[in-house]
Protein backbone atom coordinates (compact mmCIF):
# COMPACT_ATOMS: atom_id res chain seq x y z
CA MET A 1 -23.74 27.55 -5.53
CA ALA A 2 -21.11 28.93 -3.16
CA SER A 3 -18.51 31.44 -4.20
CA PRO A 4 -14.90 30.28 -4.62
CA PHE A 5 -13.85 32.49 -1.69
CA LYS A 6 -16.37 30.87 0.66
CA PHE A 7 -15.33 27.43 -0.57
CA LEU A 8 -11.67 28.15 0.25
CA GLN A 9 -12.66 29.40 3.71
CA GLU A 10 -14.54 26.17 4.38
CA VAL A 11 -11.60 24.09 3.15
CA ARG A 12 -9.25 25.93 5.53
CA GLU A 13 -11.66 25.38 8.44
CA GLU A 14 -11.87 21.66 7.72
CA THR A 15 -8.08 21.42 7.38
CA ARG A 16 -7.67 22.87 10.87
CA LYS A 17 -9.83 20.03 12.26
CA VAL A 18 -7.52 17.33 10.89
CA THR A 19 -5.34 15.53 13.41
CA TRP A 20 -2.00 15.27 11.66
CA PRO A 21 0.34 12.38 12.59
CA SER A 22 3.60 13.12 14.32
CA ARG A 23 6.94 12.50 12.64
CA LYS A 24 7.44 9.37 14.76
CA GLU A 25 4.03 7.96 13.80
CA THR A 26 4.75 8.63 10.14
CA MET A 27 8.13 6.88 10.30
CA ILE A 28 6.67 3.84 12.11
CA THR A 29 3.81 3.56 9.62
CA THR A 30 6.22 3.87 6.69
CA ALA A 31 8.46 1.15 8.13
CA MET A 32 5.43 -1.12 8.63
CA VAL A 33 4.41 -0.61 5.00
CA PHE A 34 7.89 -1.56 3.76
CA VAL A 35 7.95 -4.67 5.98
CA MET A 36 4.51 -5.78 4.76
CA VAL A 37 5.53 -5.19 1.13
CA ALA A 38 8.65 -7.32 1.64
CA ILE A 39 6.67 -10.14 3.29
CA THR A 40 4.01 -10.04 0.57
CA SER A 41 6.66 -10.05 -2.16
CA VAL A 42 8.36 -13.12 -0.71
CA PHE A 43 5.00 -14.89 -0.32
CA PHE A 44 4.05 -14.28 -3.97
CA LEU A 45 7.54 -15.27 -5.16
CA ILE A 46 7.25 -18.61 -3.37
CA ALA A 47 3.64 -19.13 -4.53
CA ASP A 48 4.65 -18.34 -8.12
CA GLN A 49 7.54 -20.81 -8.01
CA ILE A 50 5.31 -23.57 -6.60
CA ILE A 51 2.70 -22.96 -9.31
CA ARG A 52 5.42 -22.93 -11.99
CA ILE A 53 6.80 -26.25 -10.78
CA ALA A 54 3.32 -27.80 -10.61
CA VAL A 55 2.37 -26.64 -14.11
CA THR A 56 5.69 -27.82 -15.53
CA PHE A 57 5.19 -31.22 -13.89
CA VAL A 58 1.59 -31.58 -15.08
CA LEU A 59 2.34 -30.55 -18.64
CA GLY A 60 5.57 -32.52 -18.76
CA ILE A 61 7.57 -29.69 -20.30
CA GLY A 62 11.12 -28.72 -19.54
CA SER A 63 12.36 -32.26 -18.89
C-alpha cells in the first residue's frame, strides 16, 4: 500500500498529462448541450401529447 504523500504525487503527475479544453471549446460544447436539451425536450413534449391524444381516443375519456 502506497503512502498518502506518494499517492498525491502520482495524482499531480497524472493531472499534468491532462489536455484541458480551451475557453472557446468549453463554450461551444456548453452551447451544443443546451441546444440538444432543447431539441430533446420539444421531441418528448410532442411525443407525450401524441400518446395522450391516442390514449384518450382509445379509452373514450374526456369527450
